[in-house]
PDB file of all heavy atoms in Angstrom:
ATOM      1  N   ASP A   1      80.191   3.923 112.724  1.00  0.00           N
ATOM      2  CA  ASP A   1      80.523   2.711 113.495  1.00  0.00           C
ATOM      3  C   ASP A   1      81.931   2.164 113.171  1.00  0.00           C
ATOM      4  O   ASP A   1      82.508   1.421 113.960  1.00  0.00           O
ATOM      5  CB  ASP A   1      79.478   1.629 113.249  1.00  0.00           C
ATOM      6  CG  ASP A   1      78.190   1.888 114.024  1.00  0.00           C
ATOM      7  OD1 ASP A   1      78.191   2.852 114.828  1.00  0.00           O
ATOM      8  OD2 ASP A   1      77.223   1.181 113.837  1.00  0.00           O
ATOM      9  N   ASP A   2      82.408   2.465 111.947  1.00  0.00           N
ATOM     10  CA  ASP A   2      83.744   1.971 111.603  1.00  0.00           C
ATOM     11  C   ASP A   2      84.874   2.714 112.330  1.00  0.00           C
ATOM     12  O   ASP A   2      86.003   2.302 112.338  1.00  0.00           O
ATOM     13  CB  ASP A   2      83.980   2.087 110.107  1.00  0.00           C
ATOM     14  CG  ASP A   2      83.753   3.497 109.567  1.00  0.00           C
ATOM     15  OD1 ASP A   2      82.933   4.206 110.180  1.00  0.00           O
ATOM     16  OD2 ASP A   2      84.386   3.916 108.567  1.00  0.00           O
ATOM     17  N   LEU A   3      84.548   3.888 112.932  1.00  0.00           N
ATOM     18  CA  LEU A   3      85.523   4.625 113.750  1.00  0.00           C
ATOM     19  C   LEU A   3      85.346   4.173 115.195  1.00  0.00           C
ATOM     20  O   LEU A   3      84.410   4.572 115.878  1.00  0.00           O
ATOM     21  CB  LEU A   3      85.307   6.129 113.617  1.00  0.00           C
ATOM     22  CG  LEU A   3      85.413   6.720 112.190  1.00  0.00           C
ATOM     23  CD1 LEU A   3      85.140   8.190 112.220  1.00  0.00           C
ATOM     24  CD2 LEU A   3      86.815   6.439 111.640  1.00  0.00           C
ATOM     25  N   LYS A   4      86.241   3.346 115.650  1.00  0.00           N
ATOM     26  CA  LYS A   4      86.067   2.735 116.988  1.00  0.00           C
ATOM     27  C   LYS A   4      86.249   3.735 118.120  1.00  0.00           C
ATOM     28  O   LYS A   4      85.578   3.683 119.152  1.00  0.00           O
ATOM     29  CB  LYS A   4      87.059   1.579 117.139  1.00  0.00           C
ATOM     30  CG  LYS A   4      86.876   0.466 116.097  1.00  0.00           C
ATOM     31  CD  LYS A   4      87.867  -0.612 116.328  1.00  0.00           C
ATOM     32  CE  LYS A   4      87.665  -1.757 115.310  1.00  0.00           C
ATOM     33  NZ  LYS A   4      88.689  -2.848 115.478  1.00  0.00           N
ATOM     34  N   ASP A   5      87.173   4.652 117.946  1.00  0.00           N
ATOM     35  CA  ASP A   5      87.396   5.674 118.993  1.00  0.00           C
ATOM     36  C   ASP A   5      88.019   6.895 118.359  1.00  0.00           C
ATOM     37  O   ASP A   5      88.228   6.944 117.138  1.00  0.00           O
ATOM     38  CB  ASP A   5      88.338   5.083 120.076  1.00  0.00           C
ATOM     39  CG  ASP A   5      89.604   4.456 119.502  1.00  0.00           C
ATOM     40  OD1 ASP A   5      90.036   4.917 118.426  1.00  0.00           O
ATOM     41  OD2 ASP A   5      90.080   3.480 120.077  1.00  0.00           O
ATOM     42  N   ALA A   6      88.328   7.907 119.192  1.00  0.00           N
ATOM     43  CA  ALA A   6      88.859   9.148 118.723  1.00  0.00           C
ATOM     44  C   ALA A   6      90.247   8.936 118.054  1.00  0.00           C
ATOM     45  O   ALA A   6      90.512   9.663 117.090  1.00  0.00           O
ATOM     46  CB  ALA A   6      88.952  10.171 119.825  1.00  0.00           C
ATOM     47  N   VAL A   7      91.012   8.025 118.555  1.00  0.00           N
ATOM     48  CA  VAL A   7      92.353   7.788 117.995  1.00  0.00           C
ATOM     49  C   VAL A   7      92.257   7.308 116.536  1.00  0.00           C
ATOM     50  O   VAL A   7      92.987   7.789 115.676  1.00  0.00           O
ATOM     51  CB  VAL A   7      93.110   6.767 118.873  1.00  0.00           C
ATOM     52  CG1 VAL A   7      94.485   6.423 118.240  1.00  0.00           C
ATOM     53  CG2 VAL A   7      93.313   7.291 120.276  1.00  0.00           C
ATOM     54  N   SER A   8      91.346   6.365 116.296  1.00  0.00           N
ATOM     55  CA  SER A   8      91.215   5.892 114.936  1.00  0.00           C
ATOM     56  C   SER A   8      90.636   6.982 114.030  1.00  0.00           C
ATOM     57  O   SER A   8      91.014   7.084 112.845  1.00  0.00           O
ATOM     58  CB  SER A   8      90.270   4.674 114.908  1.00  0.00           C
ATOM     59  OG  SER A   8      88.992   5.012 115.373  1.00  0.00           O
ATOM     60  N   ALA A   9      89.776   7.828 114.556  1.00  0.00           N
ATOM     61  CA  ALA A   9      89.234   8.962 113.785  1.00  0.00           C
ATOM     62  C   ALA A   9      90.328   9.942 113.394  1.00  0.00           C
ATOM     63  O   ALA A   9      90.388  10.419 112.264  1.00  0.00           O
ATOM     64  CB  ALA A   9      88.106   9.652 114.577  1.00  0.00           C
ATOM     65  N   VAL A  10      91.236  10.211 114.397  1.00  0.00           N
ATOM     66  CA  VAL A  10      92.317  11.148 114.091  1.00  0.00           C
ATOM     67  C   VAL A  10      93.254  10.509 113.037  1.00  0.00           C
ATOM     68  O   VAL A  10      93.677  11.219 112.085  1.00  0.00           O
ATOM     69  CB  VAL A  10      93.079  11.434 115.381  1.00  0.00           C
ATOM     70  CG1 VAL A  10      94.392  12.193 115.044  1.00  0.00           C
ATOM     71  CG2 VAL A  10      92.232  12.260 116.321  1.00  0.00           C
ATOM     72  N   GLY A  11      93.553   9.277 113.143  1.00  0.00           N
ATOM     73  CA  GLY A  11      94.374   8.601 112.170  1.00  0.00           C
ATOM     74  C   GLY A  11      93.773   8.610 110.797  1.00  0.00           C
ATOM     75  O   GLY A  11      94.491   8.855 109.777  1.00  0.00           O
ATOM     76  N   PHE A  12      92.452   8.418 110.689  1.00  0.00           N
ATOM     77  CA  PHE A  12      91.746   8.519 109.423  1.00  0.00           C
ATOM     78  C   PHE A  12      91.857   9.870 108.837  1.00  0.00           C
ATOM     79  O   PHE A  12      92.106  10.037 107.612  1.00  0.00           O
ATOM     80  CB  PHE A  12      90.259   8.142 109.659  1.00  0.00           C
ATOM     81  CG  PHE A  12      89.470   7.965 108.421  1.00  0.00           C
ATOM     82  CD1 PHE A  12      89.446   6.768 107.721  1.00  0.00           C
ATOM     83  CD2 PHE A  12      88.702   9.025 107.947  1.00  0.00           C
ATOM     84  CE1 PHE A  12      88.695   6.642 106.566  1.00  0.00           C
ATOM     85  CE2 PHE A  12      87.958   8.902 106.802  1.00  0.00           C
ATOM     86  CZ  PHE A  12      87.947   7.734 106.065  1.00  0.00           C
ATOM     87  N   ALA A  13      91.693  10.904 109.664  1.00  0.00           N
ATOM     88  CA  ALA A  13      91.779  12.278 109.200  1.00  0.00           C
ATOM     89  C   ALA A  13      93.177  12.658 108.708  1.00  0.00           C
ATOM     90  O   ALA A  13      93.341  13.376 107.726  1.00  0.00           O
ATOM     91  CB  ALA A  13      91.326  13.245 110.275  1.00  0.00           C
ATOM     92  N   MET A  14      94.182  12.159 109.381  1.00  0.00           N
ATOM     93  CA  MET A  14      95.606  12.492 109.040  1.00  0.00           C
ATOM     94  C   MET A  14      95.912  12.013 107.643  1.00  0.00           C
ATOM     95  O   MET A  14      96.778  12.551 106.996  1.00  0.00           O
ATOM     96  CB  MET A  14      96.525  11.889 110.073  1.00  0.00           C
ATOM     97  CG  MET A  14      96.506  12.544 111.436  1.00  0.00           C
ATOM     98  SD  MET A  14      97.082  14.276 111.373  1.00  0.00           S
ATOM     99  CE  MET A  14      97.047  14.691 113.103  1.00  0.00           C
ATOM    100  N   GLU A  15      95.222  10.985 107.157  1.00  0.00           N
ATOM    101  CA  GLU A  15      95.488  10.492 105.831  1.00  0.00           C
ATOM    102  C   GLU A  15      94.638  11.120 104.739  1.00  0.00           C
ATOM    103  O   GLU A  15      95.016  11.059 103.577  1.00  0.00           O
ATOM    104  CB  GLU A  15      95.238   8.954 105.803  1.00  0.00           C
ATOM    105  CG  GLU A  15      96.161   8.157 106.736  1.00  0.00           C
ATOM    106  CD  GLU A  15      95.825   6.666 106.717  1.00  0.00           C
ATOM    107  OE1 GLU A  15      94.842   6.300 106.032  1.00  0.00           O
ATOM    108  OE2 GLU A  15      96.524   5.905 107.398  1.00  0.00           O
ATOM    109  N   ARG A  16      93.552  11.770 105.130  1.00  0.00           N
ATOM    110  CA  ARG A  16      92.575  12.204 104.102  1.00  0.00           C
ATOM    111  C   ARG A  16      92.309  13.725 104.135  1.00  0.00           C
ATOM    112  O   ARG A  16      91.837  14.202 103.108  1.00  0.00           O
ATOM    113  CB  ARG A  16      91.246  11.499 104.355  1.00  0.00           C
ATOM    114  CG  ARG A  16      91.295  10.009 104.249  1.00  0.00           C
ATOM    115  CD  ARG A  16      89.956   9.373 104.564  1.00  0.00           C
ATOM    116  NE  ARG A  16      88.914   9.779 103.630  1.00  0.00           N
ATOM    117  CZ  ARG A  16      88.594   9.103 102.537  1.00  0.00           C
ATOM    118  NH1 ARG A  16      89.272   7.998 102.226  1.00  0.00           N
ATOM    119  NH2 ARG A  16      87.660   9.533 101.716  1.00  0.00           N
ATOM    120  N   ARG A  17      92.601  14.420 105.199  1.00  0.00           N
ATOM    121  CA  ARG A  17      92.237  15.823 105.227  1.00  0.00           C
ATOM    122  C   ARG A  17      92.920  16.587 104.130  1.00  0.00           C
ATOM    123  O   ARG A  17      94.136  16.661 104.060  1.00  0.00           O
ATOM    124  CB  ARG A  17      92.579  16.415 106.594  1.00  0.00           C
ATOM    125  CG  ARG A  17      91.567  16.207 107.708  1.00  0.00           C
ATOM    126  CD  ARG A  17      90.415  17.179 107.619  1.00  0.00           C
ATOM    127  NE  ARG A  17      90.826  18.525 107.926  1.00  0.00           N
ATOM    128  CZ  ARG A  17      90.664  19.096 109.087  1.00  0.00           C
ATOM    129  NH1 ARG A  17      90.020  18.413 110.103  1.00  0.00           N
ATOM    130  NH2 ARG A  17      91.013  20.337 109.338  1.00  0.00           N
ATOM    131  N   PRO A  18      92.133  17.225 103.221  1.00  0.00           N
ATOM    132  CA  PRO A  18      92.802  17.940 102.105  1.00  0.00           C
ATOM    133  C   PRO A  18      93.634  19.159 102.521  1.00  0.00           C
ATOM    134  O   PRO A  18      94.604  19.488 101.836  1.00  0.00           O
ATOM    135  CB  PRO A  18      91.592  18.315 101.202  1.00  0.00           C
ATOM    136  CG  PRO A  18      90.415  18.296 102.131  1.00  0.00           C
ATOM    137  CD  PRO A  18      90.682  17.232 103.148  1.00  0.00           C
ATOM    138  N   ASP A  19      93.239  19.842 103.639  1.00  0.00           N
ATOM    139  CA  ASP A  19      94.043  20.974 104.067  1.00  0.00           C
ATOM    140  C   ASP A  19      95.388  20.509 104.510  1.00  0.00           C
ATOM    141  O   ASP A  19      96.392  21.190 104.346  1.00  0.00           O
ATOM    142  CB  ASP A  19      93.318  21.765 105.135  1.00  0.00           C
ATOM    143  CG  ASP A  19      92.901  20.901 106.313  1.00  0.00           C
ATOM    144  OD1 ASP A  19      92.798  19.672 106.186  1.00  0.00           O
ATOM    145  OD2 ASP A  19      92.646  21.472 107.395  1.00  0.00           O
ATOM    146  N   LEU A  20      95.468  19.343 105.218  1.00  0.00           N
ATOM    147  CA  LEU A  20      96.752  18.759 105.611  1.00  0.00           C
ATOM    148  C   LEU A  20      97.556  18.332 104.450  1.00  0.00           C
ATOM    149  O   LEU A  20      98.799  18.533 104.381  1.00  0.00           O
ATOM    150  CB  LEU A  20      96.506  17.624 106.616  1.00  0.00           C
ATOM    151  CG  LEU A  20      97.753  17.004 107.225  1.00  0.00           C
ATOM    152  CD1 LEU A  20      98.638  18.016 107.904  1.00  0.00           C
ATOM    153  CD2 LEU A  20      97.346  15.895 108.219  1.00  0.00           C
ATOM    154  N   LEU A  21      96.904  17.686 103.473  1.00  0.00           N
ATOM    155  CA  LEU A  21      97.590  17.288 102.238  1.00  0.00           C
ATOM    156  C   LEU A  21      98.133  18.486 101.496  1.00  0.00           C
ATOM    157  O   LEU A  21      99.244  18.441 100.953  1.00  0.00           O
ATOM    158  CB  LEU A  21      96.626  16.477 101.339  1.00  0.00           C
ATOM    159  CG  LEU A  21      96.145  15.141 101.879  1.00  0.00           C
ATOM    160  CD1 LEU A  21      95.159  14.499 100.874  1.00  0.00           C
ATOM    161  CD2 LEU A  21      97.304  14.199 102.154  1.00  0.00           C
ATOM    162  N   ALA A  22      97.365  19.571 101.462  1.00  0.00           N
ATOM    163  CA  ALA A  22      97.835  20.803 100.815  1.00  0.00           C
ATOM    164  C   ALA A  22      99.086  21.348 101.513  1.00  0.00           C
ATOM    165  O   ALA A  22     100.052  21.776 100.894  1.00  0.00           O
ATOM    166  CB  ALA A  22      96.716  21.843 100.747  1.00  0.00           C
ATOM    167  N   ALA A  23      99.007  21.375 102.839  1.00  0.00           N
ATOM    168  CA  ALA A  23     100.166  21.881 103.617  1.00  0.00           C
ATOM    169  C   ALA A  23     101.405  21.034 103.379  1.00  0.00           C
ATOM    170  O   ALA A  23     102.521  21.575 103.230  1.00  0.00           O
ATOM    171  CB  ALA A  23      99.793  21.917 105.110  1.00  0.00           C
ATOM    172  N   ARG A  24     101.246  19.733 103.389  1.00  0.00           N
ATOM    173  CA  ARG A  24     102.403  18.822 103.115  1.00  0.00           C
ATOM    174  C   ARG A  24     102.926  19.010 101.752  1.00  0.00           C
ATOM    175  O   ARG A  24     104.160  18.982 101.537  1.00  0.00           O
ATOM    176  CB  ARG A  24     101.973  17.410 103.350  1.00  0.00           C
ATOM    177  CG  ARG A  24     101.724  17.037 104.838  1.00  0.00           C
ATOM    178  CD  ARG A  24     101.078  15.654 104.962  1.00  0.00           C
ATOM    179  NE  ARG A  24     100.910  15.285 106.392  1.00  0.00           N
ATOM    180  CZ  ARG A  24     100.193  14.261 106.811  1.00  0.00           C
ATOM    181  NH1 ARG A  24      99.561  13.471 105.889  1.00  0.00           N
ATOM    182  NH2 ARG A  24     100.089  13.944 108.080  1.00  0.00           N
ATOM    183  N   THR A  25     102.031  19.169 100.740  1.00  0.00           N
ATOM    184  CA  THR A  25     102.512  19.363  99.378  1.00  0.00           C
ATOM    185  C   THR A  25     103.245  20.677  99.237  1.00  0.00           C
ATOM    186  O   THR A  25     104.268  20.768  98.524  1.00  0.00           O
ATOM    187  CB  THR A  25     101.307  19.334  98.417  1.00  0.00           C
ATOM    188  OG1 THR A  25     100.611  18.120  98.563  1.00  0.00           O
ATOM    189  CG2 THR A  25     101.791  19.430  96.998  1.00  0.00           C
ATOM    190  N   ARG A  26     102.783  21.729  99.896  1.00  0.00           N
ATOM    191  CA  ARG A  26     103.442  23.029  99.804  1.00  0.00           C
ATOM    192  C   ARG A  26     104.780  22.994 100.508  1.00  0.00           C
ATOM    193  O   ARG A  26     105.687  23.683 100.168  1.00  0.00           O
ATOM    194  CB  ARG A  26     102.529  24.125 100.374  1.00  0.00           C
ATOM    195  CG  ARG A  26     101.402  24.457  99.457  1.00  0.00           C
ATOM    196  CD  ARG A  26     100.782  25.831  99.755  1.00  0.00           C
ATOM    197  NE  ARG A  26      99.939  26.239  98.600  1.00  0.00           N
ATOM    198  CZ  ARG A  26      98.699  25.913  98.448  1.00  0.00           C
ATOM    199  NH1 ARG A  26      98.082  25.171  99.394  1.00  0.00           N
ATOM    200  NH2 ARG A  26      98.040  26.322  97.434  1.00  0.00           N
ATOM    201  N   TYR A  27     104.892  22.140 101.543  1.00  0.00           N
ATOM    202  CA  TYR A  27     106.188  21.998 102.183  1.00  0.00           C
ATOM    203  C   TYR A  27     107.200  21.305 101.255  1.00  0.00           C
ATOM    204  O   TYR A  27     108.316  21.743 101.128  1.00  0.00           O
ATOM    205  CB  TYR A  27     106.019  21.163 103.471  1.00  0.00           C
ATOM    206  CG  TYR A  27     107.338  20.807 104.158  1.00  0.00           C
ATOM    207  CD1 TYR A  27     108.303  21.749 104.383  1.00  0.00           C
ATOM    208  CD2 TYR A  27     107.532  19.512 104.623  1.00  0.00           C
ATOM    209  CE1 TYR A  27     109.503  21.447 104.997  1.00  0.00           C
ATOM    210  CE2 TYR A  27     108.736  19.179 105.249  1.00  0.00           C
ATOM    211  CZ  TYR A  27     109.702  20.164 105.425  1.00  0.00           C
ATOM    212  OH  TYR A  27     110.881  19.816 106.067  1.00  0.00           O
ATOM    213  N   ALA A  28     106.718  20.256 100.547  1.00  0.00           N
ATOM    214  CA  ALA A  28     107.561  19.639  99.544  1.00  0.00           C
ATOM    215  C   ALA A  28     107.920  20.603  98.449  1.00  0.00           C
ATOM    216  O   ALA A  28     109.061  20.621  97.897  1.00  0.00           O
ATOM    217  CB  ALA A  28     106.857  18.405  98.975  1.00  0.00           C
TER     218      ALA A  28
END
């Protein structure tokens, strides 16, 4: 219920997804 729509869900995932965090860290 705290995810109001797909946009907020995507934003939440962009901050927390570990595979994305790993990719960003490997880029750095």
